[in-house]
Amino acid sequence: MRHNYVPAPYTIHEGIRKLPPGQMLTLAWGTKEPVVEPYWSARAAAEAGFRTPSNRSHAALTDALDSLLRDAVAGQMVADVPLGAFLSGGIDSSSS
């Protein structure tokens, strides 16, 4: 109640825990123990980027990122009701 949410790895259900960020749980048929493993690593992605740098221009990379972000947001904007967004104006997001 102190946090107004249930902090990880705890849940409101006894004996059930949250998965850490970037992890997936796999339960194979006929096994009793699940396997928790990472499906993505920011470090591995950054290291791969350094090993194989892009030969595209800064403008082309910026356009590609813009396109990816627009597609990601558009995919989350599908609803049968009108959507809106609130931008924080609280003390934690204002400059000092």
PDB file of N, CA and C in Angstrom:
ATOM      1  N   MET A   1       0.822  -1.185   0.000  1.00  0.00           N
ATOM      2  CA  MET A   1       0.000   0.000   0.000  1.00  0.00           C
ATOM      3  C   MET A   1       0.872   1.256   0.000  1.00  0.00           C
ATOM      4  N   ARG A   2       2.054   1.155   0.527  1.00  0.00           N
ATOM      5  CA  ARG A   2       2.944   2.308   0.613  1.00  0.00           C
ATOM      6  C   ARG A   2       3.320   2.831  -0.775  1.00  0.00           C
ATOM      7  N   HIS A   3       3.489   1.937  -1.763  1.00  0.00           N
ATOM      8  CA  HIS A   3       3.943   2.333  -3.093  1.00  0.00           C
ATOM      9  C   HIS A   3       2.795   2.590  -4.074  1.00  0.00           C
ATOM     10  N   ASN A   4       1.574   2.212  -3.702  1.00  0.00           N
ATOM     11  CA  ASN A   4       0.412   2.271  -4.597  1.00  0.00           C
ATOM     12  C   ASN A   4       0.545   1.327  -5.784  1.00  0.00           C
ATOM     13  N   TYR A   5       1.395   0.337  -5.667  1.00  0.00           N
ATOM     14  CA  TYR A   5       1.524  -0.737  -6.641  1.00  0.00           C
ATOM     15  C   TYR A   5       2.262  -1.874  -5.944  1.00  0.00           C
ATOM     16  N   VAL A   6       2.315  -3.006  -6.597  1.00  0.00           N
ATOM     17  CA  VAL A   6       3.030  -4.150  -6.031  1.00  0.00           C
ATOM     18  C   VAL A   6       4.410  -4.198  -6.663  1.00  0.00           C
ATOM     19  N   PRO A   7       5.476  -3.923  -5.891  1.00  0.00           N
ATOM     20  CA  PRO A   7       6.821  -3.891  -6.479  1.00  0.00           C
ATOM     21  C   PRO A   7       7.298  -5.282  -6.903  1.00  0.00           C
ATOM     22  N   ALA A   8       8.090  -5.311  -7.964  1.00  0.00           N
ATOM     23  CA  ALA A   8       8.650  -6.572  -8.447  1.00  0.00           C
ATOM     24  C   ALA A   8       9.629  -7.112  -7.418  1.00  0.00           C
ATOM     25  N   PRO A   9       9.731  -8.393  -7.280  1.00  0.00           N
ATOM     26  CA  PRO A   9       9.127  -9.467  -8.064  1.00  0.00           C
ATOM     27  C   PRO A   9       7.812  -9.969  -7.485  1.00  0.00           C
ATOM     28  N   TYR A  10       7.223  -9.248  -6.547  1.00  0.00           N
ATOM     29  CA  TYR A  10       6.019  -9.707  -5.860  1.00  0.00           C
ATOM     30  C   TYR A  10       4.757  -9.466  -6.685  1.00  0.00           C
ATOM     31  N   THR A  11       3.700 -10.224  -6.372  1.00  0.00           N
ATOM     32  CA  THR A  11       2.379 -10.029  -6.961  1.00  0.00           C
ATOM     33  C   THR A  11       1.357 -10.129  -5.841  1.00  0.00           C
ATOM     34  N   ILE A  12       0.095  -9.915  -6.178  1.00  0.00           N
ATOM     35  CA  ILE A  12      -0.950 -10.040  -5.164  1.00  0.00           C
ATOM     36  C   ILE A  12      -1.318 -11.493  -4.922  1.00  0.00           C
ATOM     37  N   HIS A  13      -0.742 -12.400  -5.707  1.00  0.00           N
ATOM     38  CA  HIS A  13      -1.054 -13.831  -5.583  1.00  0.00           C
ATOM     39  C   HIS A  13       0.094 -14.564  -4.896  1.00  0.00           C
ATOM     40  N   GLU A  14      -0.218 -15.335  -3.896  1.00  0.00           N
ATOM     41  CA  GLU A  14       0.797 -16.088  -3.169  1.00  0.00           C
ATOM     42  C   GLU A  14       1.441 -17.136  -4.076  1.00  0.00           C
ATOM     43  N   GLY A  15       2.765 -17.190  -4.055  1.00  0.00           N
ATOM     44  CA  GLY A  15       3.500 -18.184  -4.831  1.00  0.00           C
ATOM     45  C   GLY A  15       3.714 -17.804  -6.286  1.00  0.00           C
ATOM     46  N   ILE A  16       3.296 -16.619  -6.690  1.00  0.00           N
ATOM     47  CA  ILE A  16       3.468 -16.164  -8.074  1.00  0.00           C
ATOM     48  C   ILE A  16       4.341 -14.920  -8.056  1.00  0.00           C
ATOM     49  N   ARG A  17       5.315 -14.869  -8.941  1.00  0.00           N
ATOM     50  CA  ARG A  17       6.247 -13.741  -9.005  1.00  0.00           C
ATOM     51  C   ARG A  17       6.223 -13.121 -10.390  1.00  0.00           C
ATOM     52  N   LYS A  18       6.574 -11.842 -10.477  1.00  0.00           N
ATOM     53  CA  LYS A  18       6.696 -11.152 -11.754  1.00  0.00           C
ATOM     54  C   LYS A  18       8.012 -11.535 -12.411  1.00  0.00           C
ATOM     55  N   LEU A  19       8.016 -11.540 -13.730  1.00  0.00           N
ATOM     56  CA  LEU A  19       9.255 -11.767 -14.463  1.00  0.00           C
ATOM     57  C   LEU A  19      10.060 -10.482 -14.500  1.00  0.00           C
ATOM     58  N   PRO A  20      11.374 -10.573 -14.444  1.00  0.00           N
ATOM     59  CA  PRO A  20      12.202  -9.376 -14.596  1.00  0.00           C
ATOM     60  C   PRO A  20      12.052  -8.811 -16.013  1.00  0.00           C
ATOM     61  N   PRO A  21      12.314  -7.525 -16.211  1.00  0.00           N
ATOM     62  CA  PRO A  21      12.233  -6.940 -17.550  1.00  0.00           C
ATOM     63  C   PRO A  21      13.149  -7.666 -18.537  1.00  0.00           C
ATOM     64  N   GLY A  22      12.654  -7.870 -19.742  1.00  0.00           N
ATOM     65  CA  GLY A  22      13.452  -8.502 -20.789  1.00  0.00           C
ATOM     66  C   GLY A  22      13.592 -10.003 -20.649  1.00  0.00           C
ATOM     67  N   GLN A  23      12.778 -10.623 -19.819  1.00  0.00           N
ATOM     68  CA  GLN A  23      12.862 -12.067 -19.589  1.00  0.00           C
ATOM     69  C   GLN A  23      11.602 -12.756 -20.110  1.00  0.00           C
ATOM     70  N   MET A  24      11.727 -14.018 -20.455  1.00  0.00           N
ATOM     71  CA  MET A  24      10.569 -14.817 -20.829  1.00  0.00           C
ATOM     72  C   MET A  24      10.613 -16.137 -20.072  1.00  0.00           C
ATOM     73  N   LEU A  25       9.440 -16.679 -19.829  1.00  0.00           N
ATOM     74  CA  LEU A  25       9.325 -17.940 -19.113  1.00  0.00           C
ATOM     75  C   LEU A  25       8.826 -18.981 -20.096  1.00  0.00           C
ATOM     76  N   THR A  26       9.502 -20.104 -20.153  1.00  0.00           N
ATOM     77  CA  THR A  26       9.122 -21.195 -21.034  1.00  0.00           C
ATOM     78  C   THR A  26       8.884 -22.436 -20.184  1.00  0.00           C
ATOM     79  N   LEU A  27       7.766 -23.085 -20.438  1.00  0.00           N
ATOM     80  CA  LEU A  27       7.454 -24.340 -19.759  1.00  0.00           C
ATOM     81  C   LEU A  27       7.255 -25.390 -20.829  1.00  0.00           C
ATOM     82  N   ALA A  28       8.205 -26.313 -20.916  1.00  0.00           N
ATOM     83  CA  ALA A  28       8.145 -27.356 -21.928  1.00  0.00           C
ATOM     84  C   ALA A  28       7.152 -28.437 -21.505  1.00  0.00           C
ATOM     85  N   TRP A  29       6.491 -29.020 -22.474  1.00  0.00           N
ATOM     86  CA  TRP A  29       5.522 -30.068 -22.213  1.00  0.00           C
ATOM     87  C   TRP A  29       6.207 -31.234 -21.502  1.00  0.00           C
ATOM     88  N   GLY A  30       5.631 -31.661 -20.406  1.00  0.00           N
ATOM     89  CA  GLY A  30       6.168 -32.794 -19.673  1.00  0.00           C
ATOM     90  C   GLY A  30       7.226 -32.439 -18.637  1.00  0.00           C
ATOM     91  N   THR A  31       7.569 -31.157 -18.511  1.00  0.00           N
ATOM     92  CA  THR A  31       8.539 -30.756 -17.499  1.00  0.00           C
ATOM     93  C   THR A  31       7.822 -30.069 -16.351  1.00  0.00           C
ATOM     94  N   LYS A  32       8.444 -30.077 -15.187  1.00  0.00           N
ATOM     95  CA  LYS A  32       7.833 -29.465 -14.015  1.00  0.00           C
ATOM     96  C   LYS A  32       8.384 -28.080 -13.734  1.00  0.00           C
ATOM     97  N   GLU A  33       9.606 -27.807 -14.154  1.00  0.00           N
ATOM     98  CA  GLU A  33      10.255 -26.544 -13.840  1.00  0.00           C
ATOM     99  C   GLU A  33      10.282 -25.621 -15.053  1.00  0.00           C
ATOM    100  N   PRO A  34       9.834 -24.391 -14.892  1.00  0.00           N
ATOM    101  CA  PRO A  34       9.926 -23.435 -15.995  1.00  0.00           C
ATOM    102  C   PRO A  34      11.358 -22.928 -16.157  1.00  0.00           C
ATOM    103  N   VAL A  35      11.666 -22.460 -17.350  1.00  0.00           N
ATOM    104  CA  VAL A  35      12.973 -21.888 -17.642  1.00  0.00           C
ATOM    105  C   VAL A  35      12.774 -20.398 -17.901  1.00  0.00           C
ATOM    106  N   VAL A  36      13.465 -19.561 -17.134  1.00  0.00           N
ATOM    107  CA  VAL A  36      13.414 -18.114 -17.322  1.00  0.00           C
ATOM    108  C   VAL A  36      14.711 -17.690 -17.978  1.00  0.00           C
ATOM    109  N   GLU A  37      14.588 -17.015 -19.125  1.00  0.00           N
ATOM    110  CA  GLU A  37      15.769 -16.595 -19.869  1.00  0.00           C
ATOM    111  C   GLU A  37      15.508 -15.257 -20.543  1.00  0.00           C
ATOM    112  N   PRO A  38      16.570 -14.511 -20.824  1.00  0.00           N
ATOM    113  CA  PRO A  38      16.379 -13.213 -21.483  1.00  0.00           C
ATOM    114  C   PRO A  38      15.978 -13.396 -22.944  1.00  0.00           C
ATOM    115  N   TYR A  39      15.068 -12.557 -23.426  1.00  0.00           N
ATOM    116  CA  TYR A  39      14.737 -12.565 -24.842  1.00  0.00           C
ATOM    117  C   TYR A  39      15.350 -11.364 -25.550  1.00  0.00           C
ATOM    118  N   TRP A  40      15.880 -10.434 -24.783  1.00  0.00           N
ATOM    119  CA  TRP A  40      16.480  -9.232 -25.354  1.00  0.00           C
ATOM    120  C   TRP A  40      17.433  -8.640 -24.344  1.00  0.00           C
ATOM    121  N   SER A  41      18.509  -8.089 -24.810  1.00  0.00           N
ATOM    122  CA  SER A  41      19.491  -7.465 -23.931  1.00  0.00           C
ATOM    123  C   SER A  41      19.941  -6.152 -24.557  1.00  0.00           C
ATOM    124  N   ALA A  42      19.808  -5.057 -23.829  1.00  0.00           N
ATOM    125  CA  ALA A  42      20.257  -3.757 -24.324  1.00  0.00           C
ATOM    126  C   ALA A  42      21.762  -3.778 -24.559  1.00  0.00           C
ATOM    127  N   ARG A  43      22.488  -4.423 -23.669  1.00  0.00           N
ATOM    128  CA  ARG A  43      23.945  -4.506 -23.825  1.00  0.00           C
ATOM    129  C   ARG A  43      24.312  -5.252 -25.104  1.00  0.00           C
ATOM    130  N   ALA A  44      23.674  -6.387 -25.347  1.00  0.00           N
ATOM    131  CA  ALA A  44      23.972  -7.167 -26.554  1.00  0.00           C
ATOM    132  C   ALA A  44      23.609  -6.380 -27.810  1.00  0.00           C
ATOM    133  N   ALA A  45      22.506  -5.647 -27.785  1.00  0.00           N
ATOM    134  CA  ALA A  45      22.104  -4.844 -28.943  1.00  0.00           C
ATOM    135  C   ALA A  45      23.109  -3.726 -29.195  1.00  0.00           C
ATOM    136  N   ALA A  46      23.574  -3.060 -28.138  1.00  0.00           N
ATOM    137  CA  ALA A  46      24.558  -1.986 -28.289  1.00  0.00           C
ATOM    138  C   ALA A  46      25.889  -2.539 -28.795  1.00  0.00           C
ATOM    139  N   GLU A  47      26.315  -3.668 -28.251  1.00  0.00           N
ATOM    140  CA  GLU A  47      27.577  -4.264 -28.689  1.00  0.00           C
ATOM    141  C   GLU A  47      27.502  -4.693 -30.145  1.00  0.00           C
ATOM    142  N   ALA A  48      26.360  -5.236 -30.558  1.00  0.00           N
ATOM    143  CA  ALA A  48      26.190  -5.625 -31.962  1.00  0.00           C
ATOM    144  C   ALA A  48      26.244  -4.399 -32.866  1.00  0.00           C
ATOM    145  N   GLY A  49      25.670  -3.287 -32.414  1.00  0.00           N
ATOM    146  CA  GLY A  49      25.713  -2.059 -33.184  1.00  0.00           C
ATOM    147  C   GLY A  49      27.131  -1.529 -33.343  1.00  0.00           C
ATOM    148  N   PHE A  50      27.931  -1.645 -32.302  1.00  0.00           N
ATOM    149  CA  PHE A  50      29.326  -1.202 -32.395  1.00  0.00           C
ATOM    150  C   PHE A  50      30.144  -2.110 -33.303  1.00  0.00           C
ATOM    151  N   ARG A  51      29.844  -3.407 -33.292  1.00  0.00           N
ATOM    152  CA  ARG A  51      30.583  -4.354 -34.139  1.00  0.00           C
ATOM    153  C   ARG A  51      30.255  -4.166 -35.617  1.00  0.00           C
ATOM    154  N   THR A  52      29.012  -3.818 -35.913  1.00  0.00           N
ATOM    155  CA  THR A  52      28.588  -3.661 -37.303  1.00  0.00           C
ATOM    156  C   THR A  52      27.911  -2.305 -37.476  1.00  0.00           C
ATOM    157  N   PRO A  53      28.696  -1.237 -37.527  1.00  0.00           N
ATOM    158  CA  PRO A  53      28.097   0.096 -37.664  1.00  0.00           C
ATOM    159  C   PRO A  53      27.394   0.263 -39.010  1.00  0.00           C
ATOM    160  N   SER A  54      26.377   1.108 -39.028  1.00  0.00           N
ATOM    161  CA  SER A  54      25.618   1.371 -40.242  1.00  0.00           C
ATOM    162  C   SER A  54      26.402   2.286 -41.164  1.00  0.00           C
ATOM    163  N   ASN A  55      26.209   2.097 -42.454  1.00  0.00           N
ATOM    164  CA  ASN A  55      26.850   2.982 -43.423  1.00  0.00           C
ATOM    165  C   ASN A  55      25.858   4.028 -43.938  1.00  0.00           C
ATOM    166  N   ARG A  56      24.658   4.088 -43.322  1.00  0.00           N
ATOM    167  CA  ARG A  56      23.653   5.074 -43.732  1.00  0.00           C
ATOM    168  C   ARG A  56      23.972   6.432 -43.105  1.00  0.00           C
ATOM    169  N   SER A  57      23.475   7.482 -43.726  1.00  0.00           N
ATOM    170  CA  SER A  57      23.717   8.839 -43.245  1.00  0.00           C
ATOM    171  C   SER A  57      22.908   9.104 -41.969  1.00  0.00           C
ATOM    172  N   HIS A  58      23.308  10.141 -41.273  1.00  0.00           N
ATOM    173  CA  HIS A  58      22.599  10.553 -40.053  1.00  0.00           C
ATOM    174  C   HIS A  58      21.138  10.846 -40.371  1.00  0.00           C
ATOM    175  N   ALA A  59      20.883  11.508 -41.495  1.00  0.00           N
ATOM    176  CA  ALA A  59      19.508  11.839 -41.893  1.00  0.00           C
ATOM    177  C   ALA A  59      18.698  10.565 -42.165  1.00  0.00           C
ATOM    178  N   ALA A  60      19.307   9.600 -42.848  1.00  0.00           N
ATOM    179  CA  ALA A  60      18.603   8.349 -43.149  1.00  0.00           C
ATOM    180  C   ALA A  60      18.294   7.581 -41.867  1.00  0.00           C
ATOM    181  N   LEU A  61      19.246   7.562 -40.936  1.00  0.00           N
ATOM    182  CA  LEU A  61      19.013   6.878 -39.656  1.00  0.00           C
ATOM    183  C   LEU A  61      17.928   7.582 -38.855  1.00  0.00           C
ATOM    184  N   THR A  62      17.920   8.920 -38.886  1.00  0.00           N
ATOM    185  CA  THR A  62      16.899   9.685 -38.182  1.00  0.00           C
ATOM    186  C   THR A  62      15.520   9.390 -38.771  1.00  0.00           C
ATOM    187  N   ASP A  63      15.424   9.344 -40.095  1.00  0.00           N
ATOM    188  CA  ASP A  63      14.156   9.029 -40.759  1.00  0.00           C
ATOM    189  C   ASP A  63      13.693   7.614 -40.420  1.00  0.00           C
ATOM    190  N   ALA A  64      14.629   6.674 -40.380  1.00  0.00           N
ATOM    191  CA  ALA A  64      14.278   5.286 -40.043  1.00  0.00           C
ATOM    192  C   ALA A  64      13.757   5.194 -38.609  1.00  0.00           C
ATOM    193  N   LEU A  65      14.418   5.879 -37.678  1.00  0.00           N
ATOM    194  CA  LEU A  65      13.963   5.883 -36.293  1.00  0.00           C
ATOM    195  C   LEU A  65      12.585   6.522 -36.179  1.00  0.00           C
ATOM    196  N   ASP A  66      12.384   7.643 -36.871  1.00  0.00           N
ATOM    197  CA  ASP A  66      11.086   8.310 -36.858  1.00  0.00           C
ATOM    198  C   ASP A  66       9.995   7.369 -37.356  1.00  0.00           C
ATOM    199  N   SER A  67      10.266   6.646 -38.421  1.00  0.00           N
ATOM    200  CA  SER A  67       9.298   5.706 -38.976  1.00  0.00           C
ATOM    201  C   SER A  67       8.988   4.574 -37.989  1.00  0.00           C
ATOM    202  N   LEU A  68      10.030   4.032 -37.356  1.00  0.00           N
ATOM    203  CA  LEU A  68       9.820   2.957 -36.378  1.00  0.00           C
ATOM    204  C   LEU A  68       8.989   3.436 -35.189  1.00  0.00           C
ATOM    205  N   LEU A  69       9.294   4.635 -34.692  1.00  0.00           N
ATOM    206  CA  LEU A  69       8.539   5.166 -33.559  1.00  0.00           C
ATOM    207  C   LEU A  69       7.091   5.440 -33.925  1.00  0.00           C
ATOM    208  N   ARG A  70       6.856   6.001 -35.113  1.00  0.00           N
ATOM    209  CA  ARG A  70       5.484   6.258 -35.557  1.00  0.00           C
ATOM    210  C   ARG A  70       4.694   4.959 -35.684  1.00  0.00           C
ATOM    211  N   ASP A  71       5.316   3.927 -36.262  1.00  0.00           N
ATOM    212  CA  ASP A  71       4.652   2.630 -36.398  1.00  0.00           C
ATOM    213  C   ASP A  71       4.344   2.018 -35.034  1.00  0.00           C
ATOM    214  N   ALA A  72       5.285   2.148 -34.094  1.00  0.00           N
ATOM    215  CA  ALA A  72       5.072   1.594 -32.751  1.00  0.00           C
ATOM    216  C   ALA A  72       3.918   2.300 -32.050  1.00  0.00           C
ATOM    217  N   VAL A  73       3.869   3.617 -32.151  1.00  0.00           N
ATOM    218  CA  VAL A  73       2.787   4.370 -31.517  1.00  0.00           C
ATOM    219  C   VAL A  73       1.462   4.069 -32.209  1.00  0.00           C
ATOM    220  N   ALA A  74       1.459   4.020 -33.536  1.00  0.00           N
ATOM    221  CA  ALA A  74       0.229   3.727 -34.281  1.00  0.00           C
ATOM    222  C   ALA A  74      -0.330   2.359 -33.885  1.00  0.00           C
ATOM    223  N   GLY A  75       0.548   1.402 -33.639  1.00  0.00           N
ATOM    224  CA  GLY A  75       0.100   0.077 -33.227  1.00  0.00           C
ATOM    225  C   GLY A  75      -0.571   0.070 -31.860  1.00  0.00           C
ATOM    226  N   GLN A  76      -0.259   1.053 -31.033  1.00  0.00           N
ATOM    227  CA  GLN A  76      -0.865   1.148 -29.703  1.00  0.00           C
ATOM    228  C   GLN A  76      -2.107   2.033 -29.690  1.00  0.00           C
ATOM    229  N   MET A  77      -2.407   2.675 -30.811  1.00  0.00           N
ATOM    230  CA  MET A  77      -3.519   3.611 -30.874  1.00  0.00           C
ATOM    231  C   MET A  77      -4.788   2.981 -31.442  1.00  0.00           C
ATOM    232  N   VAL A  78      -4.823   1.671 -31.552  1.00  0.00           N
ATOM    233  CA  VAL A  78      -5.993   0.980 -32.072  1.00  0.00           C
ATOM    234  C   VAL A  78      -6.971   0.759 -30.931  1.00  0.00           C
ATOM    235  N   ALA A  79      -8.177   1.335 -31.059  1.00  0.00           N
ATOM    236  CA  ALA A  79      -9.180   1.200 -30.015  1.00  0.00           C
ATOM    237  C   ALA A  79     -10.554   1.465 -30.604  1.00  0.00           C
ATOM    238  N   ASP A  80     -11.576   1.015 -29.900  1.00  0.00           N
ATOM    239  CA  ASP A  80     -12.946   1.267 -30.341  1.00  0.00           C
ATOM    240  C   ASP A  80     -13.554   2.480 -29.639  1.00  0.00           C
ATOM    241  N   VAL A  81     -12.738   3.223 -28.938  1.00  0.00           N
ATOM    242  CA  VAL A  81     -13.167   4.441 -28.254  1.00  0.00           C
ATOM    243  C   VAL A  81     -12.153   5.537 -28.550  1.00  0.00           C
ATOM    244  N   PRO A  82     -12.534   6.801 -28.384  1.00  0.00           N
ATOM    245  CA  PRO A  82     -11.560   7.874 -28.607  1.00  0.00           C
ATOM    246  C   PRO A  82     -10.389   7.765 -27.632  1.00  0.00           C
ATOM    247  N   LEU A  83      -9.208   8.106 -28.119  1.00  0.00           N
ATOM    248  CA  LEU A  83      -7.996   8.020 -27.312  1.00  0.00           C
ATOM    249  C   LEU A  83      -7.477   9.411 -26.986  1.00  0.00           C
ATOM    250  N   GLY A  84      -6.750   9.503 -25.904  1.00  0.00           N
ATOM    251  CA  GLY A  84      -6.124  10.756 -25.513  1.00  0.00           C
ATOM    252  C   GLY A  84      -4.826  10.462 -24.811  1.00  0.00           C
ATOM    253  N   ALA A  85      -4.060  11.490 -24.579  1.00  0.00           N
ATOM    254  CA  ALA A  85      -2.786  11.333 -23.872  1.00  0.00           C
ATOM    255  C   ALA A  85      -2.626  12.476 -22.893  1.00  0.00           C
ATOM    256  N   PHE A  86      -2.080  12.181 -21.735  1.00  0.00           N
ATOM    257  CA  PHE A  86      -1.790  13.188 -20.736  1.00  0.00           C
ATOM    258  C   PHE A  86      -0.283  13.351 -20.633  1.00  0.00           C
ATOM    259  N   LEU A  87       0.170  14.571 -20.673  1.00  0.00           N
ATOM    260  CA  LEU A  87       1.586  14.841 -20.505  1.00  0.00           C
ATOM    261  C   LEU A  87       1.782  15.387 -19.100  1.00  0.00           C
ATOM    262  N   SER A  88       2.767  14.860 -18.414  1.00  0.00           N
ATOM    263  CA  SER A  88       3.011  15.262 -17.033  1.00  0.00           C
ATOM    264  C   SER A  88       3.498  16.696 -16.987  1.00  0.00           C
ATOM    265  N   GLY A  89       3.016  17.406 -15.992  1.00  0.00           N
ATOM    266  CA  GLY A  89       3.502  18.752 -15.753  1.00  0.00           C
ATOM    267  C   GLY A  89       3.893  18.892 -14.293  1.00  0.00           C
ATOM    268  N   GLY A  90       4.089  17.749 -13.663  1.00  0.00           N
ATOM    269  CA  GLY A  90       4.391  17.717 -12.248  1.00  0.00           C
ATOM    270  C   GLY A  90       5.787  18.200 -11.922  1.00  0.00           C
ATOM    271  N   ILE A  91       6.048  18.302 -10.647  1.00  0.00           N
ATOM    272  CA  ILE A  91       7.345  18.792 -10.171  1.00  0.00           C
ATOM    273  C   ILE A  91       8.487  17.900 -10.606  1.00  0.00           C
ATOM    274  N   ASP A  92       8.206  16.603 -10.786  1.00  0.00           N
ATOM    275  CA  ASP A  92       9.259  15.668 -11.175  1.00  0.00           C
ATOM    276  C   ASP A  92       9.676  15.828 -12.632  1.00  0.00           C
ATOM    277  N   SER A  93       8.861  16.483 -13.462  1.00  0.00           N
ATOM    278  CA  SER A  93       9.219  16.619 -14.860  1.00  0.00           C
ATOM    279  C   SER A  93       9.489  18.058 -15.281  1.00  0.00           C
ATOM    280  N   SER A  94       9.504  18.964 -14.343  1.00  0.00           N
ATOM    281  CA  SER A  94       9.796  20.357 -14.694  1.00  0.00           C
ATOM    282  C   SER A  94      11.266  20.650 -14.419  1.00  0.00           C
ATOM    283  N   SER A  95      11.790  21.603 -15.174  1.00  0.00           N
ATOM    284  CA  SER A  95      13.200  21.945 -14.975  1.00  0.00           C
ATOM    285  C   SER A  95      13.341  22.873 -13.780  1.00  0.00           C
ATOM    286  N   SER A  96      14.499  22.808 -13.156  1.00  0.00           N
ATOM    287  CA  SER A  96      14.702  23.641 -11.977  1.00  0.00           C
ATOM    288  C   SER A  96      15.561  24.833 -12.286  1.00  0.00           C
TER     289      SER A  96
END
